[in-house]
Protein backbone atom coordinates (compact mmCIF):
# COMPACT_ATOMS: atom_id res chain seq x y z
CA MET A 1 0.00 0.00 0.00
CA ARG A 2 1.31 3.41 -0.98
CA ARG A 3 0.45 6.88 0.22
CA GLU A 4 1.26 10.35 -1.00
CA VAL A 5 4.05 12.08 0.89
CA ARG A 6 4.59 15.82 0.39
CA PHE A 7 7.89 17.44 1.26
CA ARG A 8 10.46 19.96 0.10
CA LEU A 9 13.31 18.44 -1.94
CA ASN A 10 16.36 20.57 -2.69
CA GLY A 11 14.23 23.69 -2.39
CA ALA A 12 11.23 22.51 -4.46
CA ASP A 13 7.87 21.34 -3.16
CA VAL A 14 7.34 17.75 -4.30
CA SER A 15 5.21 14.72 -3.59
CA ALA A 16 5.69 11.00 -4.13
CA GLN A 17 3.72 7.82 -3.73
CA VAL A 18 5.62 5.95 -1.04
CA ALA A 19 5.16 2.46 0.36
CA SER A 20 5.44 2.19 4.13
CA HIS A 21 8.57 0.02 3.88
CA GLU A 22 10.52 2.17 1.39
CA SER A 23 13.68 3.87 2.57
CA LEU A 24 14.38 7.50 1.77
CA VAL A 25 17.21 6.42 -0.57
CA GLU A 26 14.72 4.31 -2.54
CA VAL A 27 12.25 7.21 -2.75
CA LEU A 28 14.95 9.63 -3.94
CA ARG A 29 16.22 7.17 -6.53
CA ASP A 30 12.96 5.70 -7.80
CA SER A 31 10.67 8.75 -7.65
CA PHE A 32 13.10 11.56 -8.43
CA GLY A 33 16.07 9.99 -10.23
CA LEU A 34 18.52 11.23 -7.60
CA TYR A 35 21.42 8.84 -7.17
CA GLY A 36 23.85 10.88 -5.03
CA ALA A 37 22.80 9.18 -1.80
CA ARG A 38 24.01 5.64 -2.33
CA GLU A 39 23.07 2.56 -0.40
CA SER A 40 26.19 0.60 0.41
CA CYS A 41 25.95 -1.24 3.72
CA GLY A 42 22.16 -0.99 4.17
CA GLN A 43 22.70 -0.74 7.94
CA GLY A 44 23.47 2.94 8.52
CA MET A 45 27.13 2.16 9.22
CA CYS A 46 29.00 3.68 6.25
CA GLY A 47 27.51 7.14 5.60
CA CYS A 48 27.22 6.72 1.82
CA CYS A 49 23.47 7.30 1.99
CA THR A 50 23.65 10.49 4.07
CA VAL A 51 21.04 13.15 3.30
CA LEU A 52 19.89 16.15 5.30
CA VAL A 53 16.35 16.15 6.67
CA ASP A 54 15.42 19.49 8.19
CA GLY A 55 19.14 20.28 8.33
CA ARG A 56 20.11 17.10 10.19
CA ALA A 57 22.16 14.31 8.64
CA VAL A 58 20.34 10.98 8.48
CA SER A 59 21.15 7.57 7.06
CA GLY A 60 18.86 7.45 4.05
CA CYS A 61 19.04 3.65 3.91
CA LEU A 62 17.39 3.40 7.34
CA TYR A 63 15.17 6.48 7.27
CA LEU A 64 11.68 5.58 6.08
CA GLY A 65 10.47 7.63 3.14
CA THR A 66 7.12 8.30 4.77
CA LEU A 67 8.86 10.16 7.62
CA VAL A 68 9.79 13.11 5.39
CA GLU A 69 6.16 14.29 5.25
CA ASN A 70 6.23 18.11 5.61
CA SER A 71 10.03 18.08 5.97
CA SER A 72 12.83 19.62 3.97
CA VAL A 73 15.23 17.14 2.35
CA GLU A 74 18.57 18.15 0.90
CA THR A 75 20.70 15.84 -1.23
CA ILE A 76 24.09 16.35 -2.83
CA GLU A 77 22.25 17.27 -6.05
CA GLY A 78 20.72 20.37 -4.43
CA GLY A 79 21.95 23.80 -5.44
CA ALA A 80 22.80 25.22 -8.84
CA GLU A 81 26.39 26.08 -7.89
CA LEU A 82 29.06 24.39 -5.82
CA ASP A 83 29.07 25.49 -2.19
CA ALA A 84 32.21 26.07 -0.08
CA VAL A 85 32.28 22.45 1.13
CA GLN A 86 32.01 20.97 -2.36
CA GLN A 87 34.66 23.34 -3.67
CA ALA A 88 36.99 22.48 -0.79
CA PHE A 89 36.63 18.75 -1.46
CA ILE A 90 37.57 19.33 -5.11
CA GLU A 91 40.50 21.61 -4.30
CA SER A 92 41.82 19.16 -1.68
CA GLY A 93 41.34 16.07 -3.83
CA ALA A 94 39.30 14.60 -0.98
CA PHE A 95 38.03 11.65 -2.95
CA GLN A 96 39.22 8.85 -5.15
CA CYS A 97 36.35 6.76 -6.48
CA GLY A 98 33.76 9.29 -5.23
CA PHE A 99 31.25 6.73 -3.95
CA CYS A 100 31.35 8.04 -0.37
CA THR A 101 31.91 11.71 -1.23
CA PRO A 102 28.26 12.90 -1.19
CA GLY A 103 27.83 11.55 2.34
CA PHE A 104 31.04 13.16 3.55
CA ILE A 105 30.07 16.51 2.01
CA LEU A 106 26.62 16.57 3.60
CA MET A 107 27.97 15.46 6.98
CA THR A 108 30.65 18.16 6.72
CA ARG A 109 27.96 20.77 6.10
CA GLN A 110 26.25 19.74 9.32
CA LEU A 111 29.58 19.66 11.19
CA LEU A 112 30.43 23.21 10.12
CA GLU A 113 26.98 24.46 11.08
CA GLU A 114 27.55 23.15 14.60
CA HIS A 115 31.31 23.74 14.85
CA PRO A 116 32.47 26.46 12.43
CA ASP A 117 36.18 25.97 13.24
CA PRO A 118 36.76 22.30 14.13
CA ASP A 119 40.19 20.87 14.94
CA ASP A 120 41.45 17.54 13.60
CA ASP A 121 40.07 15.53 16.53
CA ALA A 122 36.62 17.09 16.22
CA ILE A 123 36.58 16.40 12.47
CA LYS A 124 37.65 12.77 12.96
CA HIS A 125 35.07 12.23 15.68
CA TYR A 126 32.24 13.90 13.79
CA LEU A 127 32.92 12.09 10.52
CA SER A 128 33.61 8.72 12.18
CA GLY A 129 30.30 7.33 10.88
CA ASN A 130 31.37 7.87 7.27
CA LEU A 131 33.67 5.36 5.65
CA CYS A 132 36.00 5.85 2.69
CA ARG A 133 37.17 2.54 1.35
CA CYS A 134 39.80 4.28 -0.81
CA GLY A 135 41.48 5.81 2.24
CA ALA A 136 41.27 9.49 1.36
CA TYR A 137 41.00 10.48 5.04
CA PRO A 138 43.96 12.92 5.17
CA GLU A 139 42.56 14.81 2.18
CA ILE A 140 39.05 14.76 3.68
CA ILE A 141 40.33 16.36 6.89
CA GLU A 142 42.18 18.95 4.80
CA ALA A 143 38.97 19.62 2.83
CA VAL A 144 36.93 20.16 6.00
CA LYS A 145 39.47 22.69 7.28
CA LEU A 146 39.52 24.46 3.92
CA ALA A 147 35.71 24.52 3.81
CA ALA A 148 35.63 26.04 7.29
CA GLN A 149 38.10 28.70 6.17
CA LYS A 150 36.07 29.43 3.01
CA ARG A 151 32.85 29.73 5.00
CA ARG A 152 34.44 32.15 7.48
CA LYS A 153 35.60 34.36 4.59
CA ALA A 154 32.18 34.34 2.91
């Protein structure tokens, strides 16, 4: 059984027919063709499926699609231009295969909202739920610091 769910997606009001068992990643992929949030582990352990719901990072593979009713959802595809975090990840080369990168970028956005000038330990702790199988961690930490610097200047 499906029901209509209305929410704001990357700044646009949308609706989708959602089954009660569908995850948010499935809704984003199947109803809107958005593939940036990727299901990898299916257990909320890797961070590849991270999306922002009302400004808070959630594991899209575990978050039921019906729960976004009247919420605001932001994916990596949101925005017409690159933001400071995305630009910092590019400039720092903070990715290799790119599979985990959307999750790291969205989690970094939340980190910088809460802690505008994090040190290495804070970055490592905050991003500990996101895994990079390629091992780009030093570059990711560099990217977070650069993004913080860019945001302070803006």
